Amino acid sequence: MAMTEVRLDPMTSEEYETYHRAAVLAYAEGHVSAKSWPAEGARQRAIDEYAELLPEGVATPGHHLYTARNGDRAIGMIWFAERPHGAYLYDIRVDADLRGQKYGEALMRAMEHEVRAAGLKAVRLQVFGNNSVARSLYRKLGYLETNVVMAKNLD
């Protein structure tokens, strides 16, 4: 396989447990960093949202969770769900030591292939405003901003 090619394999329950532990913490931290949630209670709120979205983990109907691999090496993951408008991308991760090597782009393209295979015609996602790396990647791949929420703390 070429350096930035990825294969998407359905995530196993064991892989999901590892992903879930890290994802809940990162999700809470992302909201706190973006000033959309207060720090107090953020972790529990993230746990509750994941439990609502994925009550059956990888077996939750309408949700597609994949482990991304380059050859035999797991290099990240991606999760999208089927929605009336098309697919909704909930999470994408590339291992920290592989960032900046075009794996994110390859992972997004592989996900778009899976979305089409599921009969869906569009992908939507939400990204924290302070995540300039992700926003740049999505723009490069042709994603357009359809809604911008702005905030200012007055403390």
N, C-alpha and C. Protein backbone atom coordinates (compact mmCIF):
# COMPACT_ATOMS: atom_id res chain seq x y z
N MET A 1 0.84 -1.18 0.00
CA MET A 1 0.00 0.00 0.00
C MET A 1 0.88 1.25 0.00
N ALA A 2 0.48 2.25 -0.75
CA ALA A 2 1.22 3.51 -0.75
C ALA A 2 1.14 4.16 0.62
N MET A 3 2.03 5.10 0.84
CA MET A 3 2.16 5.69 2.17
C MET A 3 0.85 6.22 2.75
N THR A 4 0.05 6.92 1.97
CA THR A 4 -1.14 7.53 2.54
C THR A 4 -2.44 6.82 2.15
N GLU A 5 -2.36 5.62 1.63
CA GLU A 5 -3.58 4.87 1.36
C GLU A 5 -4.12 4.29 2.66
N VAL A 6 -5.44 4.28 2.75
CA VAL A 6 -6.05 3.70 3.94
C VAL A 6 -7.13 2.72 3.53
N ARG A 7 -7.33 1.75 4.38
CA ARG A 7 -8.41 0.78 4.25
C ARG A 7 -9.27 0.94 5.49
N LEU A 8 -10.57 0.91 5.31
CA LEU A 8 -11.48 1.02 6.45
C LEU A 8 -12.02 -0.36 6.79
N ASP A 9 -11.76 -0.81 8.00
CA ASP A 9 -12.28 -2.07 8.51
C ASP A 9 -13.30 -1.75 9.60
N PRO A 10 -14.43 -2.46 9.62
CA PRO A 10 -15.38 -2.23 10.71
C PRO A 10 -14.67 -2.34 12.07
N MET A 11 -14.93 -1.38 12.92
CA MET A 11 -14.30 -1.35 14.24
C MET A 11 -14.80 -2.52 15.08
N THR A 12 -13.89 -3.18 15.76
CA THR A 12 -14.26 -4.27 16.66
C THR A 12 -14.73 -3.70 17.99
N SER A 13 -15.39 -4.52 18.78
CA SER A 13 -15.82 -4.08 20.11
C SER A 13 -14.63 -3.69 20.97
N GLU A 14 -13.54 -4.43 20.87
CA GLU A 14 -12.33 -4.11 21.64
C GLU A 14 -11.75 -2.77 21.20
N GLU A 15 -11.69 -2.54 19.89
CA GLU A 15 -11.19 -1.26 19.39
C GLU A 15 -12.11 -0.13 19.84
N TYR A 16 -13.41 -0.39 19.86
CA TYR A 16 -14.36 0.62 20.29
C TYR A 16 -14.13 1.02 21.74
N GLU A 17 -13.89 0.06 22.61
CA GLU A 17 -13.66 0.38 24.02
C GLU A 17 -12.46 1.32 24.17
N THR A 18 -11.39 1.03 23.46
CA THR A 18 -10.19 1.89 23.50
C THR A 18 -10.52 3.27 22.94
N TYR A 19 -11.20 3.30 21.81
CA TYR A 19 -11.58 4.57 21.19
C TYR A 19 -12.48 5.37 22.14
N HIS A 20 -13.49 4.72 22.70
CA HIS A 20 -14.48 5.40 23.54
C HIS A 20 -13.83 6.10 24.73
N ARG A 21 -12.91 5.42 25.40
CA ARG A 21 -12.25 6.03 26.56
C ARG A 21 -11.55 7.34 26.18
N ALA A 22 -10.82 7.32 25.07
CA ALA A 22 -10.09 8.51 24.64
C ALA A 22 -11.03 9.57 24.06
N ALA A 23 -12.04 9.12 23.33
CA ALA A 23 -12.93 10.05 22.64
C ALA A 23 -13.77 10.88 23.59
N VAL A 24 -14.27 10.27 24.64
CA VAL A 24 -15.09 11.00 25.60
C VAL A 24 -14.28 12.13 26.22
N LEU A 25 -13.06 11.83 26.61
CA LEU A 25 -12.20 12.85 27.20
C LEU A 25 -11.88 13.95 26.19
N ALA A 26 -11.52 13.58 24.97
CA ALA A 26 -11.19 14.57 23.94
C ALA A 26 -12.40 15.43 23.59
N TYR A 27 -13.57 14.82 23.54
CA TYR A 27 -14.80 15.56 23.22
C TYR A 27 -15.09 16.60 24.30
N ALA A 28 -14.98 16.19 25.54
CA ALA A 28 -15.20 17.13 26.65
C ALA A 28 -14.17 18.26 26.60
N GLU A 29 -12.90 17.90 26.42
CA GLU A 29 -11.84 18.92 26.36
C GLU A 29 -12.03 19.86 25.18
N GLY A 30 -12.48 19.33 24.05
CA GLY A 30 -12.72 20.17 22.88
C GLY A 30 -13.79 21.21 23.14
N HIS A 31 -14.87 20.80 23.80
CA HIS A 31 -15.94 21.74 24.12
C HIS A 31 -15.47 22.79 25.12
N VAL A 32 -14.70 22.37 26.11
CA VAL A 32 -14.21 23.32 27.11
C VAL A 32 -13.25 24.30 26.44
N SER A 33 -12.34 23.80 25.61
CA SER A 33 -11.37 24.65 24.92
C SER A 33 -12.06 25.65 23.99
N ALA A 34 -13.13 25.21 23.34
CA ALA A 34 -13.87 26.08 22.42
C ALA A 34 -14.83 27.00 23.17
N LYS A 35 -14.88 26.87 24.48
CA LYS A 35 -15.73 27.70 25.34
C LYS A 35 -17.22 27.44 25.12
N SER A 36 -17.56 26.23 24.61
CA SER A 36 -18.97 25.92 24.42
C SER A 36 -19.57 25.17 25.60
N TRP A 37 -18.72 24.62 26.48
CA TRP A 37 -19.17 24.00 27.72
C TRP A 37 -18.29 24.47 28.86
N PRO A 38 -18.87 24.60 30.07
CA PRO A 38 -18.02 24.87 31.24
C PRO A 38 -17.24 23.60 31.60
N ALA A 39 -16.08 23.76 32.20
CA ALA A 39 -15.25 22.61 32.56
C ALA A 39 -15.96 21.68 33.54
N GLU A 40 -16.65 22.28 34.50
CA GLU A 40 -17.35 21.46 35.49
C GLU A 40 -18.49 20.70 34.82
N GLY A 41 -18.45 19.40 34.92
CA GLY A 41 -19.49 18.56 34.36
C GLY A 41 -19.28 18.18 32.90
N ALA A 42 -18.22 18.67 32.27
CA ALA A 42 -18.01 18.42 30.84
C ALA A 42 -17.80 16.94 30.55
N ARG A 43 -17.01 16.26 31.37
CA ARG A 43 -16.74 14.84 31.11
C ARG A 43 -18.03 14.02 31.20
N GLN A 44 -18.84 14.28 32.22
CA GLN A 44 -20.10 13.53 32.35
C GLN A 44 -21.04 13.84 31.19
N ARG A 45 -21.07 15.09 30.78
CA ARG A 45 -21.92 15.45 29.64
C ARG A 45 -21.47 14.70 28.39
N ALA A 46 -20.16 14.58 28.17
CA ALA A 46 -19.64 13.84 27.02
C ALA A 46 -20.01 12.36 27.13
N ILE A 47 -19.85 11.79 28.31
CA ILE A 47 -20.23 10.39 28.53
C ILE A 47 -21.71 10.19 28.18
N ASP A 48 -22.55 11.10 28.65
CA ASP A 48 -23.99 11.00 28.41
C ASP A 48 -24.32 11.11 26.92
N GLU A 49 -23.65 12.03 26.21
CA GLU A 49 -23.93 12.18 24.78
C GLU A 49 -23.51 10.95 24.00
N TYR A 50 -22.36 10.39 24.32
CA TYR A 50 -21.92 9.16 23.65
C TYR A 50 -22.90 8.02 23.94
N ALA A 51 -23.36 7.92 25.17
CA ALA A 51 -24.30 6.86 25.53
C ALA A 51 -25.61 7.01 24.76
N GLU A 52 -26.04 8.24 24.54
CA GLU A 52 -27.27 8.48 23.78
C GLU A 52 -27.08 8.16 22.30
N LEU A 53 -25.93 8.57 21.74
CA LEU A 53 -25.67 8.35 20.31
C LEU A 53 -25.36 6.90 19.97
N LEU A 54 -24.59 6.24 20.84
CA LEU A 54 -24.12 4.88 20.56
C LEU A 54 -24.50 3.92 21.69
N PRO A 55 -25.81 3.74 21.93
CA PRO A 55 -26.21 2.89 23.05
C PRO A 55 -25.75 1.44 22.91
N GLU A 56 -25.50 1.00 21.68
CA GLU A 56 -25.05 -0.37 21.45
C GLU A 56 -23.62 -0.40 20.91
N GLY A 57 -22.87 0.67 21.16
CA GLY A 57 -21.49 0.72 20.69
C GLY A 57 -21.43 0.54 19.19
N VAL A 58 -20.51 -0.30 18.71
CA VAL A 58 -20.33 -0.50 17.27
C VAL A 58 -21.55 -1.15 16.61
N ALA A 59 -22.42 -1.75 17.40
CA ALA A 59 -23.60 -2.41 16.85
C ALA A 59 -24.82 -1.49 16.77
N THR A 60 -24.65 -0.20 17.09
CA THR A 60 -25.75 0.75 17.05
C THR A 60 -26.22 0.90 15.60
N PRO A 61 -27.50 0.62 15.32
CA PRO A 61 -28.00 0.72 13.95
C PRO A 61 -27.81 2.11 13.36
N GLY A 62 -27.43 2.15 12.08
CA GLY A 62 -27.29 3.42 11.38
C GLY A 62 -25.98 4.12 11.62
N HIS A 63 -25.11 3.56 12.45
CA HIS A 63 -23.81 4.16 12.74
C HIS A 63 -22.72 3.28 12.15
N HIS A 64 -21.73 3.91 11.56
CA HIS A 64 -20.63 3.19 10.90
C HIS A 64 -19.32 3.64 11.55
N LEU A 65 -18.69 2.75 12.28
CA LEU A 65 -17.42 3.04 12.93
C LEU A 65 -16.35 2.14 12.32
N TYR A 66 -15.27 2.76 11.88
CA TYR A 66 -14.21 2.03 11.20
C TYR A 66 -12.86 2.30 11.85
N THR A 67 -12.01 1.30 11.81
CA THR A 67 -10.60 1.48 12.12
C THR A 67 -9.91 1.64 10.78
N ALA A 68 -9.12 2.68 10.64
CA ALA A 68 -8.38 2.94 9.41
C ALA A 68 -7.02 2.27 9.51
N ARG A 69 -6.64 1.60 8.42
CA ARG A 69 -5.36 0.91 8.40
C ARG A 69 -4.59 1.27 7.14
N ASN A 70 -3.29 1.31 7.29
CA ASN A 70 -2.36 1.39 6.18
C ASN A 70 -1.59 0.09 6.25
N GLY A 71 -1.87 -0.83 5.32
CA GLY A 71 -1.32 -2.17 5.43
C GLY A 71 -1.92 -2.83 6.67
N ASP A 72 -1.06 -3.33 7.54
CA ASP A 72 -1.53 -3.97 8.78
C ASP A 72 -1.58 -3.02 9.96
N ARG A 73 -1.12 -1.78 9.77
CA ARG A 73 -1.04 -0.84 10.89
C ARG A 73 -2.32 -0.02 11.02
N ALA A 74 -2.90 -0.03 12.21
CA ALA A 74 -4.03 0.85 12.51
C ALA A 74 -3.48 2.27 12.60
N ILE A 75 -4.05 3.19 11.83
CA ILE A 75 -3.53 4.56 11.79
C ILE A 75 -4.56 5.59 12.27
N GLY A 76 -5.78 5.14 12.56
CA GLY A 76 -6.80 6.08 13.01
C GLY A 76 -8.17 5.45 12.96
N MET A 77 -9.19 6.31 12.95
CA MET A 77 -10.57 5.84 12.92
C MET A 77 -11.47 6.90 12.30
N ILE A 78 -12.68 6.46 11.96
CA ILE A 78 -13.68 7.40 11.46
C ILE A 78 -15.07 6.85 11.82
N TRP A 79 -16.00 7.76 12.10
CA TRP A 79 -17.37 7.38 12.49
C TRP A 79 -18.35 8.31 11.81
N PHE A 80 -19.28 7.72 11.06
CA PHE A 80 -20.38 8.50 10.51
C PHE A 80 -21.69 7.77 10.76
N ALA A 81 -22.76 8.54 10.71
CA ALA A 81 -24.11 7.98 10.91
C ALA A 81 -24.99 8.35 9.73
N GLU A 82 -25.96 7.50 9.47
CA GLU A 82 -26.94 7.76 8.43
C GLU A 82 -28.01 8.69 9.00
N ARG A 83 -28.26 9.77 8.29
CA ARG A 83 -29.26 10.75 8.68
C ARG A 83 -30.14 11.05 7.47
N PRO A 84 -31.29 11.69 7.66
CA PRO A 84 -32.18 11.98 6.52
C PRO A 84 -31.51 12.80 5.41
N HIS A 85 -30.59 13.69 5.76
CA HIS A 85 -29.92 14.53 4.77
C HIS A 85 -28.74 13.84 4.11
N GLY A 86 -28.34 12.69 4.63
CA GLY A 86 -27.15 11.98 4.14
C GLY A 86 -26.37 11.45 5.32
N ALA A 87 -25.06 11.53 5.25
CA ALA A 87 -24.22 11.06 6.34
C ALA A 87 -23.84 12.24 7.24
N TYR A 88 -23.68 11.95 8.52
CA TYR A 88 -23.16 12.94 9.46
C TYR A 88 -21.86 12.38 10.03
N LEU A 89 -20.77 13.09 9.81
CA LEU A 89 -19.47 12.68 10.30
C LEU A 89 -19.33 13.11 11.76
N TYR A 90 -19.24 12.13 12.65
CA TYR A 90 -19.10 12.43 14.07
C TYR A 90 -17.65 12.55 14.50
N ASP A 91 -16.78 11.72 13.97
CA ASP A 91 -15.40 11.75 14.46
C ASP A 91 -14.45 11.20 13.41
N ILE A 92 -13.27 11.78 13.38
CA ILE A 92 -12.17 11.31 12.55
C ILE A 92 -10.91 11.53 13.37
N ARG A 93 -10.04 10.53 13.38
CA ARG A 93 -8.79 10.63 14.13
C ARG A 93 -7.68 9.96 13.33
N VAL A 94 -6.54 10.62 13.31
CA VAL A 94 -5.31 10.06 12.75
C VAL A 94 -4.30 10.06 13.89
N ASP A 95 -3.58 8.94 14.04
CA ASP A 95 -2.58 8.85 15.10
C ASP A 95 -1.65 10.07 15.05
N ALA A 96 -1.32 10.59 16.21
CA ALA A 96 -0.55 11.83 16.32
C ALA A 96 0.76 11.78 15.53
N ASP A 97 1.45 10.65 15.53
CA ASP A 97 2.74 10.58 14.85
C ASP A 97 2.62 10.52 13.33
N LEU A 98 1.39 10.42 12.82
CA LEU A 98 1.17 10.34 11.37
C LEU A 98 0.50 11.59 10.81
N ARG A 99 0.19 12.54 11.65
CA ARG A 99 -0.47 13.76 11.18
C ARG A 99 0.47 14.56 10.30
N GLY A 100 -0.11 15.24 9.33
CA GLY A 100 0.68 16.03 8.40
C GLY A 100 1.23 15.21 7.25
N GLN A 101 0.80 13.95 7.13
CA GLN A 101 1.29 13.07 6.06
C GLN A 101 0.18 12.67 5.10
N LYS A 102 -0.91 13.45 5.09
CA LYS A 102 -2.04 13.26 4.17
C LYS A 102 -2.94 12.07 4.51
N TYR A 103 -2.79 11.50 5.70
CA TYR A 103 -3.69 10.42 6.11
C TYR A 103 -5.10 10.92 6.35
N GLY A 104 -5.23 12.13 6.86
CA GLY A 104 -6.57 12.69 7.08
C GLY A 104 -7.33 12.80 5.77
N GLU A 105 -6.67 13.28 4.74
CA GLU A 105 -7.29 13.39 3.43
C GLU A 105 -7.68 12.01 2.89
N ALA A 106 -6.77 11.05 2.99
CA ALA A 106 -7.05 9.69 2.52
C ALA A 106 -8.20 9.07 3.31
N LEU A 107 -8.25 9.32 4.60
CA LEU A 107 -9.30 8.79 5.45
C LEU A 107 -10.66 9.38 5.08
N MET A 108 -10.68 10.68 4.82
CA MET A 108 -11.93 11.33 4.41
C MET A 108 -12.41 10.77 3.07
N ARG A 109 -11.51 10.57 2.14
CA ARG A 109 -11.90 10.04 0.82
C ARG A 109 -12.42 8.60 0.95
N ALA A 110 -11.79 7.81 1.81
CA ALA A 110 -12.26 6.44 2.04
C ALA A 110 -13.65 6.46 2.67
N MET A 111 -13.88 7.38 3.60
CA MET A 111 -15.19 7.52 4.23
C MET A 111 -16.23 7.92 3.20
N GLU A 112 -15.90 8.85 2.30
CA GLU A 112 -16.84 9.27 1.27
C GLU A 112 -17.24 8.08 0.39
N HIS A 113 -16.31 7.20 0.12
CA HIS A 113 -16.61 5.98 -0.64
C HIS A 113 -17.64 5.12 0.11
N GLU A 114 -17.45 4.96 1.42
CA GLU A 114 -18.40 4.17 2.23
C GLU A 114 -19.77 4.85 2.29
N VAL A 115 -19.78 6.17 2.35
CA VAL A 115 -21.04 6.90 2.37
C VAL A 115 -21.81 6.65 1.08
N ARG A 116 -21.11 6.74 -0.05
CA ARG A 116 -21.76 6.46 -1.34
C ARG A 116 -22.27 5.01 -1.39
N ALA A 117 -21.45 4.08 -0.89
CA ALA A 117 -21.83 2.66 -0.90
C ALA A 117 -23.08 2.43 -0.05
N ALA A 118 -23.30 3.27 0.96
CA ALA A 118 -24.50 3.16 1.80
C ALA A 118 -25.71 3.83 1.15
N GLY A 119 -25.51 4.38 -0.06
CA GLY A 119 -26.61 5.01 -0.78
C GLY A 119 -26.89 6.44 -0.37
N LEU A 120 -25.95 7.05 0.34
CA LEU A 120 -26.14 8.42 0.82
C LEU A 120 -25.44 9.39 -0.14
N LYS A 121 -25.99 10.60 -0.26
CA LYS A 121 -25.52 11.53 -1.28
C LYS A 121 -24.79 12.76 -0.75
N ALA A 122 -24.65 12.89 0.56
CA ALA A 122 -24.01 14.08 1.12
C ALA A 122 -23.38 13.73 2.46
N VAL A 123 -22.42 14.55 2.86
CA VAL A 123 -21.79 14.42 4.18
C VAL A 123 -21.85 15.78 4.85
N ARG A 124 -22.28 15.78 6.08
CA ARG A 124 -22.25 16.99 6.91
C ARG A 124 -21.38 16.70 8.12
N LEU A 125 -20.84 17.74 8.69
CA LEU A 125 -20.01 17.61 9.88
C LEU A 125 -20.00 18.92 10.62
N GLN A 126 -19.54 18.86 11.84
CA GLN A 126 -19.35 20.07 12.64
C GLN A 126 -17.92 20.04 13.13
N VAL A 127 -17.29 21.19 13.14
CA VAL A 127 -15.91 21.28 13.59
C VAL A 127 -15.79 22.49 14.51
N PHE A 128 -15.01 22.33 15.57
CA PHE A 128 -14.80 23.46 16.48
C PHE A 128 -14.12 24.59 15.71
N GLY A 129 -14.57 25.80 15.94
CA GLY A 129 -14.02 26.96 15.24
C GLY A 129 -12.53 27.16 15.44
N ASN A 130 -12.01 26.69 16.58
CA ASN A 130 -10.59 26.88 16.86
C ASN A 130 -9.73 25.74 16.31
N ASN A 131 -10.31 24.81 15.56
CA ASN A 131 -9.57 23.69 14.99
C ASN A 131 -9.21 24.02 13.54
N SER A 132 -8.20 24.87 13.37
CA SER A 132 -7.85 25.35 12.04
C SER A 132 -7.31 24.25 11.14
N VAL A 133 -6.63 23.26 11.69
CA VAL A 133 -6.10 22.17 10.88
C VAL A 133 -7.24 21.38 10.23
N ALA A 134 -8.23 21.00 11.02
CA ALA A 134 -9.37 20.25 10.48
C ALA A 134 -10.16 21.11 9.50
N ARG A 135 -10.38 22.36 9.82
CA ARG A 135 -11.14 23.22 8.93
C ARG A 135 -10.45 23.37 7.58
N SER A 136 -9.13 23.46 7.60
CA SER A 136 -8.35 23.55 6.37
C SER A 136 -8.48 22.27 5.54
N LEU A 137 -8.41 21.12 6.20
CA LEU A 137 -8.57 19.83 5.51
C LEU A 137 -9.93 19.76 4.84
N TYR A 138 -10.99 20.08 5.57
CA TYR A 138 -12.34 19.98 5.01
C TYR A 138 -12.52 20.92 3.82
N ARG A 139 -12.00 22.14 3.93
CA ARG A 139 -12.09 23.08 2.80
C ARG A 139 -11.35 22.52 1.58
N LYS A 140 -10.17 21.97 1.81
CA LYS A 140 -9.37 21.41 0.72
C LYS A 140 -10.14 20.31 -0.01
N LEU A 141 -10.95 19.56 0.72
CA LEU A 141 -11.72 18.46 0.14
C LEU A 141 -13.07 18.89 -0.43
N GLY A 142 -13.35 20.19 -0.41
CA GLY A 142 -14.56 20.71 -1.02
C GLY A 142 -15.74 20.92 -0.09
N TYR A 143 -15.53 20.79 1.21
CA TYR A 143 -16.61 21.03 2.17
C TYR A 143 -16.78 22.54 2.34
N LEU A 144 -18.03 22.98 2.39
CA LEU A 144 -18.34 24.39 2.52
C LEU A 144 -18.94 24.67 3.89
N GLU A 145 -18.63 25.82 4.44
CA GLU A 145 -19.26 26.23 5.69
C GLU A 145 -20.69 26.61 5.38
N THR A 146 -21.63 25.99 6.09
CA THR A 146 -23.04 26.26 5.86
C THR A 146 -23.67 27.03 7.02
N ASN A 147 -22.94 27.11 8.13
CA ASN A 147 -23.48 27.75 9.32
C ASN A 147 -22.29 28.10 10.19
N VAL A 148 -22.29 29.30 10.75
CA VAL A 148 -21.21 29.71 11.66
C VAL A 148 -21.85 30.22 12.93
N VAL A 149 -21.46 29.66 14.05
CA VAL A 149 -21.93 30.11 15.36
C VAL A 149 -20.78 30.86 16.00
N MET A 150 -21.05 32.05 16.49
CA MET A 150 -20.00 32.87 17.10
C MET A 150 -20.39 33.16 18.55
N ALA A 151 -19.37 33.37 19.37
CA ALA A 151 -19.61 33.66 20.79
C ALA A 151 -18.53 34.60 21.30
N LYS A 152 -18.86 35.31 22.36
CA LYS A 152 -17.89 36.17 23.04
C LYS A 152 -18.16 36.08 24.54
N ASN A 153 -17.13 35.71 25.30
CA ASN A 153 -17.26 35.72 26.75
C ASN A 153 -17.09 37.13 27.25
N LEU A 154 -17.94 37.53 28.16
CA LEU A 154 -17.92 38.89 28.67
C LEU A 154 -17.36 38.98 30.08
N ASP A 155 -16.67 37.95 30.53
CA ASP A 155 -16.07 37.96 31.87
C ASP A 155 -14.84 38.83 31.91
